[in-house]
Amino acid sequence: MSARKRKAPDSMEQACMLCRRAEADPDICGHKLEKRGLCAHVFCLYFANELFQQRVAEVGLIGFLPGDIRRTVKRAAQKHCFVCGESGAAITCHETGCDRSFHLPCAVEGGCVTQFLHQYRSFCWEHRPEQAVDTAPEENTTCLICLDPVGDRKSYHAMVCPACKHAWFHRGCIQGQAACAGISCFQCPLCRDKELFLLEMLTMGIRIPFRPWQLLLCCSCAAEGTHRRCSYLRNSTASWECDSCAGLGTDLDAPTLDFAFLFSYSGCARDTVWFLSWCRRRRIIQRSRRCGVNEKGFSDD
């Protein structure tokens, strides 16, 4: 078994039972679940053959029963991934008569499409859906996101917006944008179409997470806004003031910065120190202190 799939002997991190990797792209595989000796990535569970989720999410791993998971792992041990050649391939092409199996982290490398929709269907490189848009990139066309060339034709890695037919991008680039934007904000980076673009990307195997953003408008001008998580605000914060209005010397109460959330969110002391420095430069901490909140997120009272 390759080292990238099994955890190193001195590593304390447990590998997913279905893809056999301790580390995998969270944009594709989702986060890893561990409970009572079971360990699996969220989407390794959803895409696995003949593994069904129960209505009660509290049982097993998000509703997948321990016995069902172990039986799936046992069946997968008899199948080899057509991409990496290793055993334990729990996902098989949805096309009738096709027996190509693969691990979820191997999907992109093998040119497979995994549809992150209700049925969670998977297709190998031969039977995957193709974009029906009849167009090709002009000479020297670059990806709108990374600005690198996209090539001279549509392909698995070079995709185009079905609405405007002018926005070209790499699969990996648009997947990264989808992971950041979430389903409510994801759109074509050029024409801003949402409906056709969203459906096409889902069909082509782009995972678009459902992430409900909470937008607060400036309580002074209402011209600027921020998401709670982007500004590290408490859920109880009801108002927010943009930098432009705050710099005018208004006496409106500024929202409190949730430093407890900041530390838990960053997970890295270096990132936290940088962010606190940035806050001081932008006078966010000073405004928070005027409301009686210190850098630990607690009242000075």
C-alpha atoms as a PDB file:
ATOM      1  CA  MET A   1       0.000   0.000   0.000  1.00  0.00           C
ATOM      2  CA  SER A   2       1.367   3.430  -0.927  1.00  0.00           C
ATOM      3  CA  ALA A   3       2.417   5.788   1.841  1.00  0.00           C
ATOM      4  CA  ARG A   4      -0.017   8.446   0.695  1.00  0.00           C
ATOM      5  CA  LYS A   5      -2.951   6.176   1.473  1.00  0.00           C
ATOM      6  CA  ARG A   6      -1.924   4.585   4.719  1.00  0.00           C
ATOM      7  CA  LYS A   7      -0.917   6.649   7.703  1.00  0.00           C
ATOM      8  CA  ALA A   8       2.749   6.634   8.615  1.00  0.00           C
ATOM      9  CA  PRO A   9       3.672   4.330  11.513  1.00  0.00           C
ATOM     10  CA  ASP A  10       4.558   7.303  13.714  1.00  0.00           C
ATOM     11  CA  SER A  11       1.448   9.250  12.761  1.00  0.00           C
ATOM     12  CA  MET A  12      -1.476   9.501  15.179  1.00  0.00           C
ATOM     13  CA  GLU A  13      -3.917  10.465  12.427  1.00  0.00           C
ATOM     14  CA  GLN A  14      -6.317   7.696  11.452  1.00  0.00           C
ATOM     15  CA  ALA A  15      -6.941   6.871   7.793  1.00  0.00           C
ATOM     16  CA  CYS A  16     -10.376   6.811   6.187  1.00  0.00           C
ATOM     17  CA  MET A  17     -11.669   3.241   5.983  1.00  0.00           C
ATOM     18  CA  LEU A  18     -13.070   3.812   2.482  1.00  0.00           C
ATOM     19  CA  CYS A  19     -10.319   5.689   0.633  1.00  0.00           C
ATOM     20  CA  ARG A  20      -7.477   4.595   2.968  1.00  0.00           C
ATOM     21  CA  ARG A  21      -6.053   8.099   3.188  1.00  0.00           C
ATOM     22  CA  ALA A  22      -5.315   9.967   6.365  1.00  0.00           C
ATOM     23  CA  GLU A  23      -5.234  13.227   4.419  1.00  0.00           C
ATOM     24  CA  ALA A  24      -7.371  14.161   1.414  1.00  0.00           C
ATOM     25  CA  ASP A  25      -8.675  17.291  -0.270  1.00  0.00           C
ATOM     26  CA  PRO A  26     -11.559  18.504   1.939  1.00  0.00           C
ATOM     27  CA  ASP A  27     -13.154  20.259  -1.060  1.00  0.00           C
ATOM     28  CA  ILE A  28     -13.690  16.825  -2.610  1.00  0.00           C
ATOM     29  CA  CYS A  29     -13.859  14.358   0.272  1.00  0.00           C
ATOM     30  CA  GLY A  30     -15.291  16.579   2.996  1.00  0.00           C
ATOM     31  CA  HIS A  31     -14.115  16.488   6.585  1.00  0.00           C
ATOM     32  CA  LYS A  32     -13.164  13.261   8.326  1.00  0.00           C
ATOM     33  CA  LEU A  33     -15.466  11.636  10.880  1.00  0.00           C
ATOM     34  CA  GLU A  34     -14.218   9.446  13.719  1.00  0.00           C
ATOM     35  CA  LYS A  35     -16.393   7.545  16.169  1.00  0.00           C
ATOM     36  CA  ARG A  36     -15.998   4.285  18.091  1.00  0.00           C
ATOM     37  CA  GLY A  37     -13.274   2.868  15.887  1.00  0.00           C
ATOM     38  CA  LEU A  38     -14.846   4.068  12.652  1.00  0.00           C
ATOM     39  CA  CYS A  39     -13.173   6.660  10.462  1.00  0.00           C
ATOM     40  CA  ALA A  40     -14.366   7.963   7.097  1.00  0.00           C
ATOM     41  CA  HIS A  41     -14.626  11.110   5.036  1.00  0.00           C
ATOM     42  CA  VAL A  42     -18.150  12.460   4.658  1.00  0.00           C
ATOM     43  CA  PHE A  43     -18.333  12.062   0.887  1.00  0.00           C
ATOM     44  CA  CYS A  44     -16.494   8.752   0.833  1.00  0.00           C
ATOM     45  CA  LEU A  45     -19.543   7.538   2.756  1.00  0.00           C
ATOM     46  CA  TYR A  46     -22.078   9.125   0.399  1.00  0.00           C
ATOM     47  CA  PHE A  47     -20.444   7.853  -2.799  1.00  0.00           C
ATOM     48  CA  ALA A  48     -19.642   4.306  -1.600  1.00  0.00           C
ATOM     49  CA  ASN A  49     -21.420   1.445  -3.357  1.00  0.00           C
ATOM     50  CA  GLU A  50     -24.520   0.038  -1.639  1.00  0.00           C
ATOM     51  CA  LEU A  51     -24.060   2.153   1.475  1.00  0.00           C
ATOM     52  CA  PHE A  52     -27.245   3.881   2.550  1.00  0.00           C
ATOM     53  CA  GLN A  53     -27.844   6.587   5.106  1.00  0.00           C
ATOM     54  CA  GLN A  54     -30.500   6.131   7.776  1.00  0.00           C
ATOM     55  CA  ARG A  55     -33.059   8.810   8.572  1.00  0.00           C
ATOM     56  CA  VAL A  56     -31.587   9.358  12.034  1.00  0.00           C
ATOM     57  CA  ALA A  57     -28.262  11.165  11.608  1.00  0.00           C
ATOM     58  CA  GLU A  58     -27.208  10.532  15.226  1.00  0.00           C
ATOM     59  CA  VAL A  59     -26.628   6.810  14.685  1.00  0.00           C
ATOM     60  CA  GLY A  60     -23.262   5.564  13.415  1.00  0.00           C
ATOM     61  CA  LEU A  61     -21.448   8.129  11.262  1.00  0.00           C
ATOM     62  CA  ILE A  62     -24.037  10.762  10.241  1.00  0.00           C
ATOM     63  CA  GLY A  63     -26.629   8.004   9.822  1.00  0.00           C
ATOM     64  CA  PHE A  64     -24.429   5.353   8.187  1.00  0.00           C
ATOM     65  CA  LEU A  65     -24.551   2.253  10.383  1.00  0.00           C
ATOM     66  CA  PRO A  66     -21.268   0.706  11.616  1.00  0.00           C
ATOM     67  CA  GLY A  67     -22.164  -2.747  10.319  1.00  0.00           C
ATOM     68  CA  ASP A  68     -23.032  -1.363   6.870  1.00  0.00           C
ATOM     69  CA  ILE A  69     -19.754   0.563   6.719  1.00  0.00           C
ATOM     70  CA  ARG A  70     -17.688  -2.490   7.623  1.00  0.00           C
ATOM     71  CA  ARG A  71     -19.486  -4.631   5.027  1.00  0.00           C
ATOM     72  CA  THR A  72     -18.824  -1.976   2.389  1.00  0.00           C
ATOM     73  CA  VAL A  73     -15.148  -1.880   3.326  1.00  0.00           C
ATOM     74  CA  LYS A  74     -14.975  -5.674   3.071  1.00  0.00           C
ATOM     75  CA  ARG A  75     -16.547  -5.663  -0.410  1.00  0.00           C
ATOM     76  CA  ALA A  76     -14.273  -2.823  -1.544  1.00  0.00           C
ATOM     77  CA  ALA A  77     -11.211  -4.818  -0.499  1.00  0.00           C
ATOM     78  CA  GLN A  78     -11.945  -7.141  -3.443  1.00  0.00           C
ATOM     79  CA  LYS A  79     -11.886  -4.273  -5.959  1.00  0.00           C
ATOM     80  CA  HIS A  80      -8.889  -2.373  -7.287  1.00  0.00           C
ATOM     81  CA  CYS A  81      -8.842   1.299  -8.188  1.00  0.00           C
ATOM     82  CA  PHE A  82      -8.334   1.687 -11.936  1.00  0.00           C
ATOM     83  CA  VAL A  83      -6.420   4.925 -11.254  1.00  0.00           C
ATOM     84  CA  CYS A  84      -3.849   4.005  -8.589  1.00  0.00           C
ATOM     85  CA  GLY A  85      -4.099   0.210  -8.814  1.00  0.00           C
ATOM     86  CA  GLU A  86      -4.574  -0.285  -5.067  1.00  0.00           C
ATOM     87  CA  SER A  87      -7.399  -2.308  -3.508  1.00  0.00           C
ATOM     88  CA  GLY A  88     -10.227  -0.880  -1.431  1.00  0.00           C
ATOM     89  CA  ALA A  89     -11.999   0.989  -4.244  1.00  0.00           C
ATOM     90  CA  ALA A  90     -15.485   1.587  -2.839  1.00  0.00           C
ATOM     91  CA  ILE A  91     -16.912   3.623  -5.749  1.00  0.00           C
ATOM     92  CA  THR A  92     -17.978   2.138  -9.100  1.00  0.00           C
ATOM     93  CA  CYS A  93     -19.005   3.901 -12.314  1.00  0.00           C
ATOM     94  CA  HIS A  94     -22.773   4.409 -12.468  1.00  0.00           C
ATOM     95  CA  GLU A  95     -22.946   3.376 -16.128  1.00  0.00           C
ATOM     96  CA  THR A  96     -24.648  -0.004 -16.541  1.00  0.00           C
ATOM     97  CA  GLY A  97     -22.123  -2.710 -17.419  1.00  0.00           C
ATOM     98  CA  CYS A  98     -19.080  -0.666 -16.418  1.00  0.00           C
ATOM     99  CA  ASP A  99     -17.068  -2.134 -13.552  1.00  0.00           C
ATOM    100  CA  ARG A 100     -14.396   0.544 -13.205  1.00  0.00           C
ATOM    101  CA  SER A 101     -13.935   1.307  -9.518  1.00  0.00           C
ATOM    102  CA  PHE A 102     -11.893   3.993  -7.805  1.00  0.00           C
ATOM    103  CA  HIS A 103     -11.186   5.834  -4.563  1.00  0.00           C
ATOM    104  CA  LEU A 104     -12.799   9.253  -4.205  1.00  0.00           C
ATOM    105  CA  PRO A 105      -9.436  11.088  -3.863  1.00  0.00           C
ATOM    106  CA  CYS A 106      -8.339   9.405  -7.120  1.00  0.00           C
ATOM    107  CA  ALA A 107     -11.355  10.684  -9.083  1.00  0.00           C
ATOM    108  CA  VAL A 108      -9.798  13.864 -10.487  1.00  0.00           C
ATOM    109  CA  GLU A 109      -6.532  12.144 -11.384  1.00  0.00           C
ATOM    110  CA  GLY A 110      -8.516   9.502 -13.271  1.00  0.00           C
ATOM    111  CA  GLY A 111     -10.747  11.998 -15.075  1.00  0.00           C
ATOM    112  CA  CYS A 112     -13.845  10.810 -13.202  1.00  0.00           C
ATOM    113  CA  VAL A 113     -16.939  12.868 -12.427  1.00  0.00           C
ATOM    114  CA  THR A 114     -18.593  12.599  -9.030  1.00  0.00           C
ATOM    115  CA  GLN A 115     -21.900  14.463  -8.845  1.00  0.00           C
ATOM    116  CA  PHE A 116     -22.504  16.034  -5.443  1.00  0.00           C
ATOM    117  CA  LEU A 117     -26.274  15.827  -5.807  1.00  0.00           C
ATOM    118  CA  HIS A 118     -28.924  13.826  -3.969  1.00  0.00           C
ATOM    119  CA  GLN A 119     -28.172  10.538  -5.780  1.00  0.00           C
ATOM    120  CA  TYR A 120     -24.362  10.922  -5.520  1.00  0.00           C
ATOM    121  CA  ARG A 121     -23.633   9.283  -8.863  1.00  0.00           C
ATOM    122  CA  SER A 122     -20.098   8.660 -10.113  1.00  0.00           C
ATOM    123  CA  PHE A 123     -18.756   8.136 -13.631  1.00  0.00           C
ATOM    124  CA  CYS A 124     -15.429   6.970 -15.010  1.00  0.00           C
ATOM    125  CA  TRP A 125     -13.512   8.878 -17.677  1.00  0.00           C
ATOM    126  CA  GLU A 126     -15.291   6.996 -20.495  1.00  0.00           C
ATOM    127  CA  HIS A 127     -18.867   7.504 -19.314  1.00  0.00           C
ATOM    128  CA  ARG A 128     -18.675  10.872 -17.587  1.00  0.00           C
ATOM    129  CA  PRO A 129     -21.005  13.667 -18.754  1.00  0.00           C
ATOM    130  CA  GLU A 130     -19.503  16.221 -21.138  1.00  0.00           C
ATOM    131  CA  GLN A 131     -20.353  19.883 -21.549  1.00  0.00           C
ATOM    132  CA  ALA A 132     -22.806  20.326 -24.441  1.00  0.00           C
ATOM    133  CA  VAL A 133     -21.756  23.909 -25.191  1.00  0.00           C
ATOM    134  CA  ASP A 134     -20.597  24.124 -28.823  1.00  0.00           C
ATOM    135  CA  THR A 135     -17.645  26.445 -28.449  1.00  0.00           C
ATOM    136  CA  ALA A 136     -13.881  26.407 -28.173  1.00  0.00           C
ATOM    137  CA  PRO A 137     -11.459  28.843 -26.550  1.00  0.00           C
ATOM    138  CA  GLU A 138      -9.800  31.427 -28.751  1.00  0.00           C
ATOM    139  CA  GLU A 139      -6.056  31.391 -29.157  1.00  0.00           C
ATOM    140  CA  ASN A 140      -4.156  32.261 -25.962  1.00  0.00           C
ATOM    141  CA  THR A 141      -7.322  32.149 -23.829  1.00  0.00           C
ATOM    142  CA  THR A 142      -6.483  32.052 -20.140  1.00  0.00           C
ATOM    143  CA  CYS A 143      -8.314  30.872 -17.057  1.00  0.00           C
ATOM    144  CA  LEU A 144     -10.242  33.759 -15.491  1.00  0.00           C
ATOM    145  CA  ILE A 145      -9.124  32.652 -12.048  1.00  0.00           C
ATOM    146  CA  CYS A 146      -5.435  31.675 -12.266  1.00  0.00           C
ATOM    147  CA  LEU A 147      -4.672  33.394 -15.630  1.00  0.00           C
ATOM    148  CA  ASP A 148      -2.841  30.333 -16.953  1.00  0.00           C
ATOM    149  CA  PRO A 149      -3.685  29.039 -20.487  1.00  0.00           C
ATOM    150  CA  VAL A 150      -6.678  26.675 -20.758  1.00  0.00           C
ATOM    151  CA  GLY A 151      -5.634  25.023 -24.016  1.00  0.00           C
ATOM    152  CA  ASP A 152      -7.321  24.964 -27.387  1.00  0.00           C
ATOM    153  CA  ARG A 153     -10.477  22.957 -26.627  1.00  0.00           C
ATOM    154  CA  LYS A 154     -12.946  21.885 -23.979  1.00  0.00           C
ATOM    155  CA  SER A 155     -11.680  19.059 -21.829  1.00  0.00           C
ATOM    156  CA  TYR A 156     -12.066  17.512 -18.418  1.00  0.00           C
ATOM    157  CA  HIS A 157      -9.761  20.133 -16.960  1.00  0.00           C
ATOM    158  CA  ALA A 158     -10.807  23.092 -19.175  1.00  0.00           C
ATOM    159  CA  MET A 159     -14.408  24.189 -18.660  1.00  0.00           C
ATOM    160  CA  VAL A 160     -16.616  27.003 -19.940  1.00  0.00           C
ATOM    161  CA  CYS A 161     -19.678  28.849 -18.663  1.00  0.00           C
ATOM    162  CA  PRO A 162     -22.814  27.531 -20.459  1.00  0.00           C
ATOM    163  CA  ALA A 163     -24.505  30.942 -20.257  1.00  0.00           C
ATOM    164  CA  CYS A 164     -22.012  33.415 -21.729  1.00  0.00           C
ATOM    165  CA  LYS A 165     -19.757  30.833 -23.435  1.00  0.00           C
ATOM    166  CA  HIS A 166     -16.808  33.175 -22.970  1.00  0.00           C
ATOM    167  CA  ALA A 167     -15.696  32.439 -19.413  1.00  0.00           C
ATOM    168  CA  TRP A 168     -13.030  29.710 -19.413  1.00  0.00           C
ATOM    169  CA  PHE A 169     -11.470  28.218 -16.309  1.00  0.00           C
ATOM    170  CA  HIS A 170      -9.709  25.134 -15.011  1.00  0.00           C
ATOM    171  CA  ARG A 171     -11.668  22.505 -13.104  1.00  0.00           C
ATOM    172  CA  GLY A 172      -9.435  22.874 -10.068  1.00  0.00           C
ATOM    173  CA  CYS A 173      -9.757  26.664 -10.119  1.00  0.00           C
ATOM    174  CA  ILE A 174     -13.552  26.722 -10.293  1.00  0.00           C
ATOM    175  CA  GLN A 175     -13.723  24.043  -7.580  1.00  0.00           C
ATOM    176  CA  GLY A 176     -11.694  26.280  -5.304  1.00  0.00           C
ATOM    177  CA  GLN A 177     -13.980  29.214  -6.028  1.00  0.00           C
ATOM    178  CA  ALA A 178     -17.072  27.077  -5.356  1.00  0.00           C
ATOM    179  CA  ALA A 179     -15.680  25.924  -2.023  1.00  0.00           C
ATOM    180  CA  CYS A 180     -15.130  29.529  -0.947  1.00  0.00           C
ATOM    181  CA  ALA A 181     -18.356  31.037  -2.301  1.00  0.00           C
ATOM    182  CA  GLY A 182     -20.901  28.405  -1.282  1.00  0.00           C
ATOM    183  CA  ILE A 183     -24.118  27.704  -3.126  1.00  0.00           C
ATOM    184  CA  SER A 184     -25.742  31.071  -2.365  1.00  0.00           C
ATOM    185  CA  CYS A 185     -22.902  33.150  -3.872  1.00  0.00           C
ATOM    186  CA  PHE A 186     -21.465  30.851  -6.557  1.00  0.00           C
ATOM    187  CA  GLN A 187     -21.752  32.305 -10.044  1.00  0.00           C
ATOM    188  CA  CYS A 188     -19.940  32.668 -13.368  1.00  0.00           C
ATOM    189  CA  PRO A 189     -16.862  34.828 -12.742  1.00  0.00           C
ATOM    190  CA  LEU A 190     -17.540  36.744 -15.971  1.00  0.00           C
ATOM    191  CA  CYS A 191     -21.287  37.085 -16.719  1.00  0.00           C
ATOM    192  CA  ARG A 192     -22.471  36.464 -13.121  1.00  0.00           C
ATOM    193  CA  ASP A 193     -25.086  33.934 -14.272  1.00  0.00           C
ATOM    194  CA  LYS A 194     -26.205  31.688 -11.436  1.00  0.00           C
ATOM    195  CA  GLU A 195     -28.977  29.340 -12.559  1.00  0.00           C
ATOM    196  CA  LEU A 196     -27.468  27.723 -15.673  1.00  0.00           C
ATOM    197  CA  PHE A 197     -23.947  27.971 -14.311  1.00  0.00           C
ATOM    198  CA  LEU A 198     -24.806  26.291 -11.010  1.00  0.00           C
ATOM    199  CA  LEU A 199     -26.640  23.383 -12.644  1.00  0.00           C
ATOM    200  CA  GLU A 200     -23.855  22.825 -15.178  1.00  0.00           C
ATOM    201  CA  MET A 201     -21.118  22.818 -12.574  1.00  0.00           C
ATOM    202  CA  LEU A 202     -23.008  20.366 -10.357  1.00  0.00           C
ATOM    203  CA  THR A 203     -23.538  18.059 -13.347  1.00  0.00           C
ATOM    204  CA  MET A 204     -19.838  18.277 -14.218  1.00  0.00           C
ATOM    205  CA  GLY A 205     -18.839  17.183 -10.711  1.00  0.00           C
ATOM    206  CA  ILE A 206     -18.040  20.460  -8.989  1.00  0.00           C
ATOM    207  CA  ARG A 207     -18.822  20.331  -5.290  1.00  0.00           C
ATOM    208  CA  ILE A 208     -20.654  23.477  -4.165  1.00  0.00           C
ATOM    209  CA  PRO A 209     -21.109  23.484  -0.380  1.00  0.00           C
ATOM    210  CA  PHE A 210     -24.291  24.745   1.202  1.00  0.00           C
ATOM    211  CA  ARG A 211     -23.065  27.594   3.341  1.00  0.00           C
ATOM    212  CA  PRO A 212     -25.684  30.071   4.594  1.00  0.00           C
ATOM    213  CA  TRP A 213     -23.957  33.455   4.820  1.00  0.00           C
ATOM    214  CA  GLN A 214     -25.290  36.083   7.204  1.00  0.00           C
ATOM    215  CA  LEU A 215     -24.772  39.559   5.770  1.00  0.00           C
ATOM    216  CA  LEU A 216     -24.754  42.684   7.946  1.00  0.00           C
ATOM    217  CA  LEU A 217     -25.049  46.113   6.295  1.00  0.00           C
ATOM    218  CA  CYS A 218     -23.298  49.153   7.712  1.00  0.00           C
ATOM    219  CA  CYS A 219     -25.617  50.740  10.271  1.00  0.00           C
ATOM    220  CA  SER A 220     -24.501  54.217   9.156  1.00  0.00           C
ATOM    221  CA  CYS A 221     -24.461  54.197   5.343  1.00  0.00           C
ATOM    222  CA  ALA A 222     -25.978  50.805   4.398  1.00  0.00           C
ATOM    223  CA  ALA A 223     -23.690  50.914   1.348  1.00  0.00           C
ATOM    224  CA  GLU A 224     -21.192  48.320   2.556  1.00  0.00           C
ATOM    225  CA  GLY A 225     -21.679  44.952   4.196  1.00  0.00           C
ATOM    226  CA  THR A 226     -19.812  42.081   5.790  1.00  0.00           C
ATOM    227  CA  HIS A 227     -20.415  38.434   6.584  1.00  0.00           C
ATOM    228  CA  ARG A 228     -20.325  37.495  10.252  1.00  0.00           C
ATOM    229  CA  ARG A 229     -17.560  34.940   9.740  1.00  0.00           C
ATOM    230  CA  CYS A 230     -15.526  37.228   7.480  1.00  0.00           C
ATOM    231  CA  SER A 231     -15.408  39.869  10.232  1.00  0.00           C
ATOM    232  CA  TYR A 232     -15.306  37.351  13.101  1.00  0.00           C
ATOM    233  CA  LEU A 233     -18.471  38.755  14.692  1.00  0.00           C
ATOM    234  CA  ARG A 234     -20.567  37.160  17.401  1.00  0.00           C
ATOM    235  CA  ASN A 235     -23.922  35.645  16.418  1.00  0.00           C
ATOM    236  CA  SER A 236     -25.542  38.071  18.827  1.00  0.00           C
ATOM    237  CA  THR A 237     -24.087  41.114  17.060  1.00  0.00           C
ATOM    238  CA  ALA A 238     -27.003  43.049  15.570  1.00  0.00           C
ATOM    239  CA  SER A 239     -25.168  45.987  13.960  1.00  0.00           C
ATOM    240  CA  TRP A 240     -21.898  46.661  12.174  1.00  0.00           C
ATOM    241  CA  GLU A 241     -20.146  49.807  10.953  1.00  0.00           C
ATOM    242  CA  CYS A 242     -17.852  49.935   7.933  1.00  0.00           C
ATOM    243  CA  ASP A 243     -14.348  51.402   8.107  1.00  0.00           C
ATOM    244  CA  SER A 244     -15.319  54.519   6.169  1.00  0.00           C
ATOM    245  CA  CYS A 245     -18.107  55.453   8.555  1.00  0.00           C
ATOM    246  CA  ALA A 246     -16.136  54.456  11.658  1.00  0.00           C
ATOM    247  CA  GLY A 247     -13.294  56.686  10.521  1.00  0.00           C
ATOM    248  CA  LEU A 248     -15.607  59.713  10.491  1.00  0.00           C
ATOM    249  CA  GLY A 249     -15.654  59.707  14.272  1.00  0.00           C
ATOM    250  CA  THR A 250     -19.251  58.600  14.731  1.00  0.00           C
ATOM    251  CA  ASP A 251     -20.337  57.618  18.220  1.00  0.00           C
ATOM    252  CA  LEU A 252     -22.416  54.669  17.099  1.00  0.00           C
ATOM    253  CA  ASP A 253     -21.666  51.523  19.044  1.00  0.00           C
ATOM    254  CA  ALA A 254     -19.435  49.245  17.004  1.00  0.00           C
ATOM    255  CA  PRO A 255     -19.971  45.488  17.119  1.00  0.00           C
ATOM    256  CA  THR A 256     -17.871  43.350  19.406  1.00  0.00           C
ATOM    257  CA  LEU A 257     -15.147  41.266  17.842  1.00  0.00           C
ATOM    258  CA  ASP A 258     -15.372  37.662  18.954  1.00  0.00           C
ATOM    259  CA  PHE A 259     -11.737  36.851  19.771  1.00  0.00           C
ATOM    260  CA  ALA A 260     -12.676  33.499  21.298  1.00  0.00           C
ATOM    261  CA  PHE A 261     -14.128  32.542  17.926  1.00  0.00           C
ATOM    262  CA  LEU A 262     -11.061  33.945  16.160  1.00  0.00           C
ATOM    263  CA  PHE A 263      -8.672  31.661  18.048  1.00  0.00           C
ATOM    264  CA  SER A 264     -10.815  28.575  17.457  1.00  0.00           C
ATOM    265  CA  TYR A 265     -11.364  29.488  13.807  1.00  0.00           C
ATOM    266  CA  SER A 266      -7.743  30.139  12.818  1.00  0.00           C
ATOM    267  CA  GLY A 267      -6.218  27.096  14.543  1.00  0.00           C
ATOM    268  CA  CYS A 268      -2.829  28.691  14.097  1.00  0.00           C
ATOM    269  CA  ALA A 269      -1.066  31.027  16.520  1.00  0.00           C
ATOM    270  CA  ARG A 270       0.876  32.691  13.708  1.00  0.00           C
ATOM    271  CA  ASP A 271      -2.347  33.489  11.788  1.00  0.00           C
ATOM    272  CA  THR A 272      -3.944  34.798  14.957  1.00  0.00           C
ATOM    273  CA  VAL A 273      -1.016  37.125  15.723  1.00  0.00           C
ATOM    274  CA  TRP A 274      -1.139  38.449  12.169  1.00  0.00           C
ATOM    275  CA  PHE A 275      -4.886  39.024  12.395  1.00  0.00           C
ATOM    276  CA  LEU A 276      -4.624  40.866  15.711  1.00  0.00           C
ATOM    277  CA  SER A 277      -1.962  43.107  14.195  1.00  0.00           C
ATOM    278  CA  TRP A 278      -4.234  43.771  11.235  1.00  0.00           C
ATOM    279  CA  CYS A 279      -7.098  44.578  13.589  1.00  0.00           C
ATOM    280  CA  ARG A 280      -4.993  47.130  15.425  1.00  0.00           C
ATOM    281  CA  ARG A 281      -4.058  48.840  12.181  1.00  0.00           C
ATOM    282  CA  ARG A 282      -7.691  48.984  11.132  1.00  0.00           C
ATOM    283  CA  ARG A 283      -8.820  50.244  14.569  1.00  0.00           C
ATOM    284  CA  ILE A 284     -11.169  47.265  14.998  1.00  0.00           C
ATOM    285  CA  ILE A 285      -9.788  46.407  18.430  1.00  0.00           C
ATOM    286  CA  GLN A 286     -10.024  49.998  19.590  1.00  0.00           C
ATOM    287  CA  ARG A 287     -13.666  50.184  18.563  1.00  0.00           C
ATOM    288  CA  SER A 288     -14.364  46.891  20.290  1.00  0.00           C
ATOM    289  CA  ARG A 289     -12.754  48.193  23.472  1.00  0.00           C
ATOM    290  CA  ARG A 290     -15.030  51.233  23.429  1.00  0.00           C
ATOM    291  CA  CYS A 291     -17.853  48.738  23.812  1.00  0.00           C
ATOM    292  CA  GLY A 292     -16.163  47.123  26.839  1.00  0.00           C
ATOM    293  CA  VAL A 293     -14.659  44.076  25.133  1.00  0.00           C
ATOM    294  CA  ASN A 294     -11.046  42.997  25.543  1.00  0.00           C
ATOM    295  CA  GLU A 295      -8.885  40.899  23.218  1.00  0.00           C
ATOM    296  CA  LYS A 296     -10.160  37.646  24.710  1.00  0.00           C
ATOM    297  CA  GLY A 297     -13.707  38.475  23.727  1.00  0.00           C
ATOM    298  CA  PHE A 298     -14.940  39.093  27.265  1.00  0.00           C
ATOM    299  CA  SER A 299     -16.328  42.195  28.902  1.00  0.00           C
ATOM    300  CA  ASP A 300     -13.877  44.306  30.890  1.00  0.00           C
ATOM    301  CA  ASP A 301     -16.551  44.665  33.534  1.00  0.00           C
END
